[in-house]
Amino acid sequence: MRNLMRTRVTGRHGHATNSIVGELLEASRRPHDAFDILERVTRREPALERHLLRVANAAGRRGFIRITDVRAALVRLGLVTASRILLEAAHRAEPTRFDPRPAPVDRAA
């Protein structure tokens, strides 16, 4: 159970997440406020807003009307799909401090 909780508050490779990913994860823990949280975070981050609108207007999802508003994009995609898309985009943009090289060994000891 502890490992599950740790993955909720840490990002790639166990490092602390940035505030955007943390806020998006908070939306998954508060389903009654999820829509408002997703909308607030998306409006604050222009890159996430552009990405969400691009996905909402993609050929496979597009209706007769072009979406230009975050709220309409969230409604068109649904909360589960929109939160998944936003989390993936924010997580991808998160800088990583992972170094795949093994730690140096101190041979003097």
PDB file of N, CA and C in Angstrom:
ATOM      1  N   MET A   1       0.826  -1.194   0.000  1.00  0.00           N
ATOM      2  CA  MET A   1       0.000   0.000   0.000  1.00  0.00           C
ATOM      3  C   MET A   1       0.874   1.264   0.000  1.00  0.00           C
ATOM      4  N   ARG A   2       1.981   1.230   0.742  1.00  0.00           N
ATOM      5  CA  ARG A   2       2.854   2.396   0.785  1.00  0.00           C
ATOM      6  C   ARG A   2       3.441   2.709  -0.574  1.00  0.00           C
ATOM      7  N   ASN A   3       3.817   1.670  -1.333  1.00  0.00           N
ATOM      8  CA  ASN A   3       4.364   1.907  -2.668  1.00  0.00           C
ATOM      9  C   ASN A   3       3.325   2.550  -3.564  1.00  0.00           C
ATOM     10  N   LEU A   4       2.074   2.139  -3.440  1.00  0.00           N
ATOM     11  CA  LEU A   4       1.006   2.747  -4.232  1.00  0.00           C
ATOM     12  C   LEU A   4       0.868   4.228  -3.889  1.00  0.00           C
ATOM     13  N   MET A   5       0.899   4.571  -2.605  1.00  0.00           N
ATOM     14  CA  MET A   5       0.799   5.968  -2.206  1.00  0.00           C
ATOM     15  C   MET A   5       2.022   6.748  -2.687  1.00  0.00           C
ATOM     16  N   ARG A   6       3.199   6.119  -2.671  1.00  0.00           N
ATOM     17  CA  ARG A   6       4.404   6.807  -3.112  1.00  0.00           C
ATOM     18  C   ARG A   6       4.326   7.136  -4.589  1.00  0.00           C
ATOM     19  N   THR A   7       3.768   6.246  -5.394  1.00  0.00           N
ATOM     20  CA  THR A   7       3.676   6.517  -6.815  1.00  0.00           C
ATOM     21  C   THR A   7       2.681   7.634  -7.093  1.00  0.00           C
ATOM     22  N   ARG A   8       1.760   7.874  -6.187  1.00  0.00           N
ATOM     23  CA  ARG A   8       0.803   8.952  -6.411  1.00  0.00           C
ATOM     24  C   ARG A   8       1.440  10.322  -6.211  1.00  0.00           C
ATOM     25  N   VAL A   9       2.426  10.423  -5.349  1.00  0.00           N
ATOM     26  CA  VAL A   9       2.992  11.731  -5.058  1.00  0.00           C
ATOM     27  C   VAL A   9       4.380  11.921  -5.658  1.00  0.00           C
ATOM     28  N   THR A  10       4.906  10.912  -6.328  1.00  0.00           N
ATOM     29  CA  THR A  10       6.198  11.061  -6.973  1.00  0.00           C
ATOM     30  C   THR A  10       6.054  10.829  -8.461  1.00  0.00           C
ATOM     31  N   GLY A  11       6.973  11.347  -9.209  1.00  0.00           N
ATOM     32  CA  GLY A  11       6.930  11.224 -10.658  1.00  0.00           C
ATOM     33  C   GLY A  11       7.835  10.118 -11.147  1.00  0.00           C
ATOM     34  N   ARG A  12       8.348  10.324 -12.344  1.00  0.00           N
ATOM     35  CA  ARG A  12       9.240   9.334 -12.926  1.00  0.00           C
ATOM     36  C   ARG A  12      10.430   9.090 -12.024  1.00  0.00           C
ATOM     37  N   HIS A  13      10.776   7.853 -11.865  1.00  0.00           N
ATOM     38  CA  HIS A  13      11.979   7.422 -11.154  1.00  0.00           C
ATOM     39  C   HIS A  13      11.970   7.833  -9.691  1.00  0.00           C
ATOM     40  N   GLY A  14      10.799   8.026  -9.099  1.00  0.00           N
ATOM     41  CA  GLY A  14      10.696   8.289  -7.681  1.00  0.00           C
ATOM     42  C   GLY A  14      10.961   9.709  -7.238  1.00  0.00           C
ATOM     43  N   HIS A  15      11.200  10.633  -8.164  1.00  0.00           N
ATOM     44  CA  HIS A  15      11.440  12.027  -7.789  1.00  0.00           C
ATOM     45  C   HIS A  15      10.114  12.744  -7.591  1.00  0.00           C
ATOM     46  N   ALA A  16      10.131  13.780  -6.788  1.00  0.00           N
ATOM     47  CA  ALA A  16       8.912  14.547  -6.531  1.00  0.00           C
ATOM     48  C   ALA A  16       8.400  15.176  -7.823  1.00  0.00           C
ATOM     49  N   THR A  17       7.094  15.195  -7.975  1.00  0.00           N
ATOM     50  CA  THR A  17       6.498  15.746  -9.178  1.00  0.00           C
ATOM     51  C   THR A  17       6.442  17.258  -9.097  1.00  0.00           C
ATOM     52  N   ASN A  18       6.267  17.876 -10.262  1.00  0.00           N
ATOM     53  CA  ASN A  18       6.082  19.321 -10.247  1.00  0.00           C
ATOM     54  C   ASN A  18       4.650  19.622  -9.842  1.00  0.00           C
ATOM     55  N   SER A  19       4.334  20.866  -9.660  1.00  0.00           N
ATOM     56  CA  SER A  19       3.027  21.228  -9.137  1.00  0.00           C
ATOM     57  C   SER A  19       1.891  20.904 -10.103  1.00  0.00           C
ATOM     58  N   ILE A  20       2.158  20.923 -11.410  1.00  0.00           N
ATOM     59  CA  ILE A  20       1.102  20.641 -12.390  1.00  0.00           C
ATOM     60  C   ILE A  20       0.649  19.198 -12.270  1.00  0.00           C
ATOM     61  N   VAL A  21       1.596  18.275 -12.266  1.00  0.00           N
ATOM     62  CA  VAL A  21       1.249  16.859 -12.146  1.00  0.00           C
ATOM     63  C   VAL A  21       0.572  16.607 -10.813  1.00  0.00           C
ATOM     64  N   GLY A  22       1.060  17.238  -9.763  1.00  0.00           N
ATOM     65  CA  GLY A  22       0.439  17.076  -8.450  1.00  0.00           C
ATOM     66  C   GLY A  22      -1.006  17.552  -8.426  1.00  0.00           C
ATOM     67  N   GLU A  23      -1.264  18.669  -9.065  1.00  0.00           N
ATOM     68  CA  GLU A  23      -2.649  19.173  -9.117  1.00  0.00           C
ATOM     69  C   GLU A  23      -3.541  18.269  -9.951  1.00  0.00           C
ATOM     70  N   LEU A  24      -3.001  17.749 -11.056  1.00  0.00           N
ATOM     71  CA  LEU A  24      -3.800  16.836 -11.881  1.00  0.00           C
ATOM     72  C   LEU A  24      -4.084  15.537 -11.137  1.00  0.00           C
ATOM     73  N   LEU A  25      -3.125  15.051 -10.355  1.00  0.00           N
ATOM     74  CA  LEU A  25      -3.368  13.868  -9.532  1.00  0.00           C
ATOM     75  C   LEU A  25      -4.389  14.163  -8.445  1.00  0.00           C
ATOM     76  N   GLU A  26      -4.384  15.372  -7.944  1.00  0.00           N
ATOM     77  CA  GLU A  26      -5.381  15.765  -6.947  1.00  0.00           C
ATOM     78  C   GLU A  26      -6.793  15.658  -7.522  1.00  0.00           C
ATOM     79  N   ALA A  27      -6.947  15.957  -8.794  1.00  0.00           N
ATOM     80  CA  ALA A  27      -8.256  15.827  -9.433  1.00  0.00           C
ATOM     81  C   ALA A  27      -8.732  14.382  -9.417  1.00  0.00           C
ATOM     82  N   SER A  28      -7.815  13.431  -9.536  1.00  0.00           N
ATOM     83  CA  SER A  28      -8.219  12.024  -9.509  1.00  0.00           C
ATOM     84  C   SER A  28      -8.613  11.587  -8.102  1.00  0.00           C
ATOM     85  N   ARG A  29      -8.110  12.270  -7.093  1.00  0.00           N
ATOM     86  CA  ARG A  29      -8.463  11.931  -5.712  1.00  0.00           C
ATOM     87  C   ARG A  29      -9.719  12.658  -5.228  1.00  0.00           C
ATOM     88  N   ARG A  30     -10.142  13.682  -5.966  1.00  0.00           N
ATOM     89  CA  ARG A  30     -11.338  14.448  -5.583  1.00  0.00           C
ATOM     90  C   ARG A  30     -12.310  14.473  -6.763  1.00  0.00           C
ATOM     91  N   PRO A  31     -13.050  13.388  -6.971  1.00  0.00           N
ATOM     92  CA  PRO A  31     -13.892  13.291  -8.166  1.00  0.00           C
ATOM     93  C   PRO A  31     -14.982  14.350  -8.255  1.00  0.00           C
ATOM     94  N   HIS A  32     -15.446  14.871  -7.131  1.00  0.00           N
ATOM     95  CA  HIS A  32     -16.506  15.879  -7.178  1.00  0.00           C
ATOM     96  C   HIS A  32     -15.981  17.236  -7.660  1.00  0.00           C
ATOM     97  N   ASP A  33     -14.699  17.484  -7.470  1.00  0.00           N
ATOM     98  CA  ASP A  33     -14.089  18.742  -7.890  1.00  0.00           C
ATOM     99  C   ASP A  33     -13.206  18.581  -9.123  1.00  0.00           C
ATOM    100  N   ALA A  34     -13.170  17.386  -9.697  1.00  0.00           N
ATOM    101  CA  ALA A  34     -12.230  17.078 -10.777  1.00  0.00           C
ATOM    102  C   ALA A  34     -12.392  18.007 -11.977  1.00  0.00           C
ATOM    103  N   PHE A  35     -13.609  18.268 -12.378  1.00  0.00           N
ATOM    104  CA  PHE A  35     -13.843  19.108 -13.555  1.00  0.00           C
ATOM    105  C   PHE A  35     -13.254  20.503 -13.359  1.00  0.00           C
ATOM    106  N   ASP A  36     -13.513  21.100 -12.197  1.00  0.00           N
ATOM    107  CA  ASP A  36     -13.007  22.442 -11.907  1.00  0.00           C
ATOM    108  C   ASP A  36     -11.484  22.470 -11.810  1.00  0.00           C
ATOM    109  N   ILE A  37     -10.907  21.431 -11.200  1.00  0.00           N
ATOM    110  CA  ILE A  37      -9.447  21.364 -11.072  1.00  0.00           C
ATOM    111  C   ILE A  37      -8.803  21.240 -12.443  1.00  0.00           C
ATOM    112  N   LEU A  38      -9.319  20.333 -13.278  1.00  0.00           N
ATOM    113  CA  LEU A  38      -8.760  20.155 -14.629  1.00  0.00           C
ATOM    114  C   LEU A  38      -8.880  21.436 -15.438  1.00  0.00           C
ATOM    115  N   GLU A  39     -10.004  22.108 -15.318  1.00  0.00           N
ATOM    116  CA  GLU A  39     -10.197  23.349 -16.072  1.00  0.00           C
ATOM    117  C   GLU A  39      -9.229  24.441 -15.597  1.00  0.00           C
ATOM    118  N   ARG A  40      -9.080  24.576 -14.294  1.00  0.00           N
ATOM    119  CA  ARG A  40      -8.188  25.606 -13.739  1.00  0.00           C
ATOM    120  C   ARG A  40      -6.731  25.364 -14.149  1.00  0.00           C
ATOM    121  N   VAL A  41      -6.262  24.128 -14.034  1.00  0.00           N
ATOM    122  CA  VAL A  41      -4.874  23.813 -14.387  1.00  0.00           C
ATOM    123  C   VAL A  41      -4.646  23.997 -15.880  1.00  0.00           C
ATOM    124  N   THR A  42      -5.594  23.570 -16.679  1.00  0.00           N
ATOM    125  CA  THR A  42      -5.448  23.664 -18.133  1.00  0.00           C
ATOM    126  C   THR A  42      -5.446  25.111 -18.596  1.00  0.00           C
ATOM    127  N   ARG A  43      -6.288  25.938 -18.018  1.00  0.00           N
ATOM    128  CA  ARG A  43      -6.316  27.355 -18.397  1.00  0.00           C
ATOM    129  C   ARG A  43      -5.037  28.079 -17.986  1.00  0.00           C
ATOM    130  N   ARG A  44      -4.424  27.636 -16.889  1.00  0.00           N
ATOM    131  CA  ARG A  44      -3.207  28.280 -16.406  1.00  0.00           C
ATOM    132  C   ARG A  44      -1.975  27.919 -17.237  1.00  0.00           C
ATOM    133  N   GLU A  45      -1.984  26.750 -17.858  1.00  0.00           N
ATOM    134  CA  GLU A  45      -0.831  26.272 -18.641  1.00  0.00           C
ATOM    135  C   GLU A  45      -1.171  26.289 -20.132  1.00  0.00           C
ATOM    136  N   PRO A  46      -0.659  27.250 -20.887  1.00  0.00           N
ATOM    137  CA  PRO A  46      -1.007  27.362 -22.309  1.00  0.00           C
ATOM    138  C   PRO A  46      -0.642  26.124 -23.133  1.00  0.00           C
ATOM    139  N   ALA A  47       0.458  25.463 -22.801  1.00  0.00           N
ATOM    140  CA  ALA A  47       0.855  24.271 -23.561  1.00  0.00           C
ATOM    141  C   ALA A  47      -0.155  23.142 -23.368  1.00  0.00           C
ATOM    142  N   LEU A  48      -0.636  22.968 -22.141  1.00  0.00           N
ATOM    143  CA  LEU A  48      -1.652  21.944 -21.887  1.00  0.00           C
ATOM    144  C   LEU A  48      -2.968  22.305 -22.567  1.00  0.00           C
ATOM    145  N   GLU A  49      -3.303  23.584 -22.555  1.00  0.00           N
ATOM    146  CA  GLU A  49      -4.540  24.026 -23.202  1.00  0.00           C
ATOM    147  C   GLU A  49      -4.498  23.744 -24.700  1.00  0.00           C
ATOM    148  N   ARG A  50      -3.379  24.091 -25.340  1.00  0.00           N
ATOM    149  CA  ARG A  50      -3.238  23.821 -26.776  1.00  0.00           C
ATOM    150  C   ARG A  50      -3.330  22.336 -27.074  1.00  0.00           C
ATOM    151  N   HIS A  51      -2.671  21.526 -26.247  1.00  0.00           N
ATOM    152  CA  HIS A  51      -2.679  20.077 -26.470  1.00  0.00           C
ATOM    153  C   HIS A  51      -4.092  19.512 -26.320  1.00  0.00           C
ATOM    154  N   LEU A  52      -4.805  19.938 -25.285  1.00  0.00           N
ATOM    155  CA  LEU A  52      -6.165  19.441 -25.063  1.00  0.00           C
ATOM    156  C   LEU A  52      -7.093  19.846 -26.203  1.00  0.00           C
ATOM    157  N   LEU A  53      -6.991  21.088 -26.658  1.00  0.00           N
ATOM    158  CA  LEU A  53      -7.834  21.549 -27.766  1.00  0.00           C
ATOM    159  C   LEU A  53      -7.484  20.815 -29.062  1.00  0.00           C
ATOM    160  N   ARG A  54      -6.212  20.538 -29.264  1.00  0.00           N
ATOM    161  CA  ARG A  54      -5.796  19.805 -30.458  1.00  0.00           C
ATOM    162  C   ARG A  54      -6.381  18.385 -30.463  1.00  0.00           C
ATOM    163  N   VAL A  55      -6.358  17.729 -29.307  1.00  0.00           N
ATOM    164  CA  VAL A  55      -6.920  16.379 -29.214  1.00  0.00           C
ATOM    165  C   VAL A  55      -8.437  16.418 -29.370  1.00  0.00           C
ATOM    166  N   ALA A  56      -9.091  17.403 -28.757  1.00  0.00           N
ATOM    167  CA  ALA A  56     -10.554  17.498 -28.849  1.00  0.00           C
ATOM    168  C   ALA A  56     -11.010  17.767 -30.272  1.00  0.00           C
ATOM    169  N   ASN A  57     -10.185  18.451 -31.059  1.00  0.00           N
ATOM    170  CA  ASN A  57     -10.545  18.762 -32.441  1.00  0.00           C
ATOM    171  C   ASN A  57      -9.931  17.791 -33.447  1.00  0.00           C
ATOM    172  N   ALA A  58      -9.353  16.707 -32.974  1.00  0.00           N
ATOM    173  CA  ALA A  58      -8.769  15.711 -33.879  1.00  0.00           C
ATOM    174  C   ALA A  58      -9.869  15.075 -34.728  1.00  0.00           C
ATOM    175  N   ALA A  59      -9.481  14.557 -35.861  1.00  0.00           N
ATOM    176  CA  ALA A  59     -10.450  14.020 -36.820  1.00  0.00           C
ATOM    177  C   ALA A  59     -11.319  12.926 -36.224  1.00  0.00           C
ATOM    178  N   GLY A  60     -10.765  12.090 -35.375  1.00  0.00           N
ATOM    179  CA  GLY A  60     -11.535  10.994 -34.791  1.00  0.00           C
ATOM    180  C   GLY A  60     -12.557  11.427 -33.765  1.00  0.00           C
ATOM    181  N   ARG A  61     -12.397  12.582 -33.175  1.00  0.00           N
ATOM    182  CA  ARG A  61     -13.297  13.059 -32.118  1.00  0.00           C
ATOM    183  C   ARG A  61     -14.124  14.262 -32.534  1.00  0.00           C
ATOM    184  N   ARG A  62     -13.766  14.878 -33.620  1.00  0.00           N
ATOM    185  CA  ARG A  62     -14.383  16.145 -33.997  1.00  0.00           C
ATOM    186  C   ARG A  62     -15.833  15.977 -34.433  1.00  0.00           C
ATOM    187  N   GLY A  63     -16.642  16.867 -33.963  1.00  0.00           N
ATOM    188  CA  GLY A  63     -18.027  16.909 -34.389  1.00  0.00           C
ATOM    189  C   GLY A  63     -18.181  17.953 -35.479  1.00  0.00           C
ATOM    190  N   PHE A  64     -19.335  18.561 -35.556  1.00  0.00           N
ATOM    191  CA  PHE A  64     -19.587  19.583 -36.566  1.00  0.00           C
ATOM    192  C   PHE A  64     -19.066  20.955 -36.145  1.00  0.00           C
ATOM    193  N   ILE A  65     -18.856  21.127 -34.854  1.00  0.00           N
ATOM    194  CA  ILE A  65     -18.420  22.418 -34.319  1.00  0.00           C
ATOM    195  C   ILE A  65     -16.994  22.306 -33.806  1.00  0.00           C
ATOM    196  N   ARG A  66     -16.159  23.269 -34.171  1.00  0.00           N
ATOM    197  CA  ARG A  66     -14.772  23.290 -33.700  1.00  0.00           C
ATOM    198  C   ARG A  66     -14.738  23.807 -32.257  1.00  0.00           C
ATOM    199  N   ILE A  67     -14.022  23.107 -31.411  1.00  0.00           N
ATOM    200  CA  ILE A  67     -13.905  23.462 -29.998  1.00  0.00           C
ATOM    201  C   ILE A  67     -12.805  24.511 -29.824  1.00  0.00           C
ATOM    202  N   THR A  68     -13.129  25.602 -29.154  1.00  0.00           N
ATOM    203  CA  THR A  68     -12.137  26.644 -28.875  1.00  0.00           C
ATOM    204  C   THR A  68     -12.046  26.957 -27.384  1.00  0.00           C
ATOM    205  N   ASP A  69     -12.821  26.262 -26.556  1.00  0.00           N
ATOM    206  CA  ASP A  69     -12.876  26.532 -25.124  1.00  0.00           C
ATOM    207  C   ASP A  69     -12.478  25.277 -24.348  1.00  0.00           C
ATOM    208  N   VAL A  70     -11.773  25.459 -23.250  1.00  0.00           N
ATOM    209  CA  VAL A  70     -11.319  24.338 -22.433  1.00  0.00           C
ATOM    210  C   VAL A  70     -12.501  23.568 -21.871  1.00  0.00           C
ATOM    211  N   ARG A  71     -13.496  24.268 -21.386  1.00  0.00           N
ATOM    212  CA  ARG A  71     -14.669  23.597 -20.797  1.00  0.00           C
ATOM    213  C   ARG A  71     -15.371  22.706 -21.822  1.00  0.00           C
ATOM    214  N   ALA A  72     -15.530  23.205 -23.032  1.00  0.00           N
ATOM    215  CA  ALA A  72     -16.168  22.399 -24.082  1.00  0.00           C
ATOM    216  C   ALA A  72     -15.292  21.199 -24.451  1.00  0.00           C
ATOM    217  N   ALA A  73     -13.970  21.374 -24.435  1.00  0.00           N
ATOM    218  CA  ALA A  73     -13.069  20.256 -24.728  1.00  0.00           C
ATOM    219  C   ALA A  73     -13.173  19.188 -23.651  1.00  0.00           C
ATOM    220  N   LEU A  74     -13.261  19.593 -22.388  1.00  0.00           N
ATOM    221  CA  LEU A  74     -13.412  18.625 -21.299  1.00  0.00           C
ATOM    222  C   LEU A  74     -14.717  17.854 -21.419  1.00  0.00           C
ATOM    223  N   VAL A  75     -15.781  18.549 -21.822  1.00  0.00           N
ATOM    224  CA  VAL A  75     -17.074  17.890 -21.994  1.00  0.00           C
ATOM    225  C   VAL A  75     -17.018  16.913 -23.163  1.00  0.00           C
ATOM    226  N   ARG A  76     -16.412  17.327 -24.260  1.00  0.00           N
ATOM    227  CA  ARG A  76     -16.343  16.453 -25.434  1.00  0.00           C
ATOM    228  C   ARG A  76     -15.522  15.200 -25.160  1.00  0.00           C
ATOM    229  N   LEU A  77     -14.400  15.349 -24.476  1.00  0.00           N
ATOM    230  CA  LEU A  77     -13.518  14.210 -24.228  1.00  0.00           C
ATOM    231  C   LEU A  77     -13.964  13.363 -23.046  1.00  0.00           C
ATOM    232  N   GLY A  78     -14.600  13.982 -22.083  1.00  0.00           N
ATOM    233  CA  GLY A  78     -14.952  13.274 -20.857  1.00  0.00           C
ATOM    234  C   GLY A  78     -13.841  13.446 -19.835  1.00  0.00           C
ATOM    235  N   LEU A  79     -14.181  13.357 -18.563  1.00  0.00           N
ATOM    236  CA  LEU A  79     -13.203  13.610 -17.508  1.00  0.00           C
ATOM    237  C   LEU A  79     -12.085  12.573 -17.484  1.00  0.00           C
ATOM    238  N   VAL A  80     -12.419  11.310 -17.675  1.00  0.00           N
ATOM    239  CA  VAL A  80     -11.401  10.261 -17.597  1.00  0.00           C
ATOM    240  C   VAL A  80     -10.392  10.412 -18.728  1.00  0.00           C
ATOM    241  N   THR A  81     -10.881  10.568 -19.945  1.00  0.00           N
ATOM    242  CA  THR A  81      -9.983  10.710 -21.093  1.00  0.00           C
ATOM    243  C   THR A  81      -9.188  12.002 -21.011  1.00  0.00           C
ATOM    244  N   ALA A  82      -9.843  13.092 -20.648  1.00  0.00           N
ATOM    245  CA  ALA A  82      -9.151  14.378 -20.561  1.00  0.00           C
ATOM    246  C   ALA A  82      -8.079  14.352 -19.477  1.00  0.00           C
ATOM    247  N   SER A  83      -8.381  13.778 -18.328  1.00  0.00           N
ATOM    248  CA  SER A  83      -7.374  13.729 -17.264  1.00  0.00           C
ATOM    249  C   SER A  83      -6.204  12.840 -17.670  1.00  0.00           C
ATOM    250  N   ARG A  84      -6.461  11.752 -18.369  1.00  0.00           N
ATOM    251  CA  ARG A  84      -5.377  10.888 -18.846  1.00  0.00           C
ATOM    252  C   ARG A  84      -4.486  11.640 -19.836  1.00  0.00           C
ATOM    253  N   ILE A  85      -5.100  12.354 -20.759  1.00  0.00           N
ATOM    254  CA  ILE A  85      -4.352  13.116 -21.769  1.00  0.00           C
ATOM    255  C   ILE A  85      -3.508  14.204 -21.105  1.00  0.00           C
ATOM    256  N   LEU A  86      -4.107  14.925 -20.156  1.00  0.00           N
ATOM    257  CA  LEU A  86      -3.387  16.001 -19.483  1.00  0.00           C
ATOM    258  C   LEU A  86      -2.251  15.468 -18.610  1.00  0.00           C
ATOM    259  N   LEU A  87      -2.499  14.354 -17.911  1.00  0.00           N
ATOM    260  CA  LEU A  87      -1.440  13.771 -17.091  1.00  0.00           C
ATOM    261  C   LEU A  87      -0.272  13.297 -17.941  1.00  0.00           C
ATOM    262  N   GLU A  88      -0.577  12.655 -19.063  1.00  0.00           N
ATOM    263  CA  GLU A  88       0.497  12.190 -19.949  1.00  0.00           C
ATOM    264  C   GLU A  88       1.314  13.366 -20.476  1.00  0.00           C
ATOM    265  N   ALA A  89       0.639  14.435 -20.885  1.00  0.00           N
ATOM    266  CA  ALA A  89       1.342  15.596 -21.426  1.00  0.00           C
ATOM    267  C   ALA A  89       2.180  16.289 -20.355  1.00  0.00           C
ATOM    268  N   ALA A  90       1.626  16.444 -19.158  1.00  0.00           N
ATOM    269  CA  ALA A  90       2.365  17.099 -18.085  1.00  0.00           C
ATOM    270  C   ALA A  90       3.528  16.237 -17.619  1.00  0.00           C
ATOM    271  N   HIS A  91       3.316  14.940 -17.558  1.00  0.00           N
ATOM    272  CA  HIS A  91       4.373  14.030 -17.119  1.00  0.00           C
ATOM    273  C   HIS A  91       5.498  13.985 -18.148  1.00  0.00           C
ATOM    274  N   ARG A  92       5.140  14.035 -19.413  1.00  0.00           N
ATOM    275  CA  ARG A  92       6.141  14.033 -20.481  1.00  0.00           C
ATOM    276  C   ARG A  92       6.988  15.306 -20.432  1.00  0.00           C
ATOM    277  N   ALA A  93       6.381  16.411 -20.059  1.00  0.00           N
ATOM    278  CA  ALA A  93       7.091  17.692 -20.009  1.00  0.00           C
ATOM    279  C   ALA A  93       7.916  17.850 -18.732  1.00  0.00           C
ATOM    280  N   GLU A  94       7.671  16.985 -17.754  1.00  0.00           N
ATOM    281  CA  GLU A  94       8.382  17.081 -16.480  1.00  0.00           C
ATOM    282  C   GLU A  94       9.854  16.723 -16.674  1.00  0.00           C
ATOM    283  N   PRO A  95      10.748  17.559 -16.193  1.00  0.00           N
ATOM    284  CA  PRO A  95      12.172  17.234 -16.348  1.00  0.00           C
ATOM    285  C   PRO A  95      12.545  16.016 -15.512  1.00  0.00           C
ATOM    286  N   THR A  96      13.431  15.233 -16.016  1.00  0.00           N
ATOM    287  CA  THR A  96      13.862  14.046 -15.303  1.00  0.00           C
ATOM    288  C   THR A  96      15.300  14.219 -14.824  1.00  0.00           C
ATOM    289  N   ARG A  97      15.571  13.687 -13.671  1.00  0.00           N
ATOM    290  CA  ARG A  97      16.922  13.741 -13.131  1.00  0.00           C
ATOM    291  C   ARG A  97      17.525  12.346 -13.085  1.00  0.00           C
ATOM    292  N   PHE A  98      16.962  11.428 -13.820  1.00  0.00           N
ATOM    293  CA  PHE A  98      17.411  10.041 -13.821  1.00  0.00           C
ATOM    294  C   PHE A  98      18.709   9.912 -14.596  1.00  0.00           C
ATOM    295  N   ASP A  99      19.693   9.283 -13.999  1.00  0.00           N
ATOM    296  CA  ASP A  99      20.964   9.034 -14.658  1.00  0.00           C
ATOM    297  C   ASP A  99      21.146   7.523 -14.742  1.00  0.00           C
ATOM    298  N   PRO A 100      21.101   6.946 -15.936  1.00  0.00           N
ATOM    299  CA  PRO A 100      21.161   5.484 -16.064  1.00  0.00           C
ATOM    300  C   PRO A 100      22.535   4.896 -15.753  1.00  0.00           C
ATOM    301  N   ARG A 101      23.548   5.737 -15.650  1.00  0.00           N
ATOM    302  CA  ARG A 101      24.885   5.224 -15.348  1.00  0.00           C
ATOM    303  C   ARG A 101      24.964   4.792 -13.889  1.00  0.00           C
ATOM    304  N   PRO A 102      25.685   3.710 -13.604  1.00  0.00           N
ATOM    305  CA  PRO A 102      25.820   3.280 -12.198  1.00  0.00           C
ATOM    306  C   PRO A 102      26.642   4.288 -11.412  1.00  0.00           C
ATOM    307  N   ALA A 103      26.405   4.337 -10.127  1.00  0.00           N
ATOM    308  CA  ALA A 103      27.126   5.260  -9.263  1.00  0.00           C
ATOM    309  C   ALA A 103      28.597   4.860  -9.213  1.00  0.00           C
ATOM    310  N   PRO A 104      29.493   5.831  -9.137  1.00  0.00           N
ATOM    311  CA  PRO A 104      30.917   5.499  -9.071  1.00  0.00           C
ATOM    312  C   PRO A 104      31.259   4.763  -7.781  1.00  0.00           C
ATOM    313  N   VAL A 105      32.167   3.827  -7.882  1.00  0.00           N
ATOM    314  CA  VAL A 105      32.574   3.028  -6.722  1.00  0.00           C
ATOM    315  C   VAL A 105      33.856   3.622  -6.153  1.00  0.00           C
ATOM    316  N   ASP A 106      33.897   3.839  -4.862  1.00  0.00           N
ATOM    317  CA  ASP A 106      35.077   4.375  -4.204  1.00  0.00           C
ATOM    318  C   ASP A 106      36.016   3.215  -3.901  1.00  0.00           C
ATOM    319  N   ARG A 107      37.095   3.105  -4.620  1.00  0.00           N
ATOM    320  CA  ARG A 107      38.024   1.986  -4.489  1.00  0.00           C
ATOM    321  C   ARG A 107      39.087   2.233  -3.399  1.00  0.00           C
ATOM    322  N   ALA A 108      39.118   3.425  -2.846  1.00  0.00           N
ATOM    323  CA  ALA A 108      40.119   3.736  -1.813  1.00  0.00           C
ATOM    324  C   ALA A 108      39.804   3.065  -0.490  1.00  0.00           C
ATOM    325  N   ALA A 109      38.575   2.761  -0.249  1.00  0.00           N
ATOM    326  CA  ALA A 109      38.158   2.205   1.053  1.00  0.00           C
ATOM    327  C   ALA A 109      38.495   0.748   1.202  1.00  0.00           C
TER     328      ALA A 109
END
